[in-house]
Protein backbone atom coordinates (compact mmCIF):
# COMPACT_ATOMS: atom_id res chain seq x y z
CA MET A 1 -21.27 6.80 14.50
CA PRO A 2 -21.33 7.55 10.74
CA PRO A 3 -18.49 9.29 8.91
CA ASP A 4 -18.40 13.08 9.17
CA PRO A 5 -20.47 14.21 6.13
CA LYS A 6 -18.39 17.36 5.59
CA LYS A 7 -15.16 15.38 5.47
CA VAL A 8 -16.69 12.76 3.19
CA LYS A 9 -17.96 15.48 0.83
CA ALA A 10 -14.56 17.21 0.79
CA VAL A 11 -12.78 13.96 -0.07
CA GLN A 12 -15.43 13.16 -2.66
CA LEU A 13 -15.02 16.52 -4.38
CA ASN A 14 -11.23 16.34 -4.34
CA LEU A 15 -11.14 12.82 -5.72
CA GLU A 16 -13.83 13.57 -8.28
CA GLY A 17 -11.76 16.50 -9.52
CA LEU A 18 -8.69 14.29 -9.67
CA LEU A 19 -10.54 11.55 -11.56
CA ARG A 20 -11.83 14.11 -14.05
CA LEU A 21 -8.33 15.48 -14.54
CA LEU A 22 -6.92 12.00 -15.08
CA GLY A 23 -9.86 10.78 -17.16
CA GLY A 24 -12.50 8.14 -16.64
CA SER A 25 -16.18 8.06 -17.36
CA SER A 26 -18.97 9.06 -15.02
CA ASP A 27 -19.72 5.32 -14.67
CA ASP A 28 -16.14 4.75 -13.46
CA ARG A 29 -16.53 7.51 -10.86
CA GLN A 30 -19.93 6.16 -9.77
CA ARG A 31 -18.50 2.65 -9.33
CA PHE A 32 -15.58 4.06 -7.30
CA TRP A 33 -17.97 5.78 -4.89
CA GLU A 34 -20.30 2.78 -4.66
CA ILE A 35 -17.36 0.67 -3.52
CA HIS A 36 -16.30 3.23 -0.91
CA ARG A 37 -19.83 3.82 0.38
CA GLY A 38 -20.17 0.06 0.96
CA ILE A 39 -17.89 0.29 4.02
CA THR A 40 -20.32 0.24 6.93
CA THR A 41 -19.02 -1.76 9.90
CA PRO A 42 -18.31 0.31 13.05
CA VAL A 43 -14.58 -0.42 13.03
CA GLU A 44 -14.31 0.52 9.37
CA VAL A 45 -16.32 3.69 9.97
CA ARG A 46 -13.95 4.73 12.79
CA LEU A 47 -10.99 3.99 10.55
CA ILE A 48 -12.48 6.00 7.71
CA ASN A 49 -13.19 8.93 10.05
CA SER A 50 -9.62 8.93 11.31
CA GLN A 51 -8.18 8.77 7.78
CA LEU A 52 -10.40 11.25 5.93
CA ASP A 53 -8.26 14.30 6.67
CA GLY A 54 -5.13 12.57 5.39
CA VAL A 55 -6.85 11.27 2.28
CA ALA A 56 -8.32 14.70 1.56
CA ALA A 57 -4.93 16.37 1.90
CA GLN A 58 -3.25 13.78 -0.31
CA ALA A 59 -5.96 13.99 -2.96
CA LYS A 60 -5.79 17.78 -2.97
CA ALA A 61 -1.99 17.74 -3.29
CA LEU A 62 -2.11 15.14 -6.05
CA GLN A 63 -4.74 17.12 -7.91
CA ALA A 64 -2.62 20.29 -7.66
CA SER A 65 0.46 18.39 -8.89
CA ALA A 66 -1.43 16.88 -11.81
CA LYS A 67 -2.79 20.31 -12.75
CA ALA A 68 0.70 21.84 -12.57
CA LEU A 69 2.05 19.03 -14.75
CA GLN A 70 -0.74 19.61 -17.25
CA ASP A 71 -0.01 23.37 -17.33
CA THR A 72 3.72 22.73 -17.82
CA ALA A 73 3.01 20.32 -20.67
CA LYS A 74 0.85 22.97 -22.35
CA GLN A 75 3.65 25.56 -22.03
CA ILE A 76 6.19 23.14 -23.50
CA ALA A 77 3.84 22.31 -26.37
CA ARG A 78 3.44 26.03 -27.19
CA ARG A 79 7.23 26.50 -27.39
CA GLY A 80 7.77 23.53 -29.66
C-alpha cells in the first residue's frame, strides 16, 4: 500500500515552504525529496503513512514560527 498522496503532497508543500523560508537552493530541495522518495519497503511505507500527519503538523507549526520570527525581526529593524 503506497503512502497517501494527499498527505505526502501536504507534507511536501509545508516542508518546501519551510526550506524556502530558511534558504537553500532548488537543488537542495530536490535532493531532500529524492532521499525521502527512496523509502519503498512495505514496513517503511506503513511507518511513513502513520507519521505523515505528525510531520505535517510539525512542519506547519515550524513554518509559522519561523515566519513570525522573521516578521518580528523586521519590526525590530524598523525601530532601530
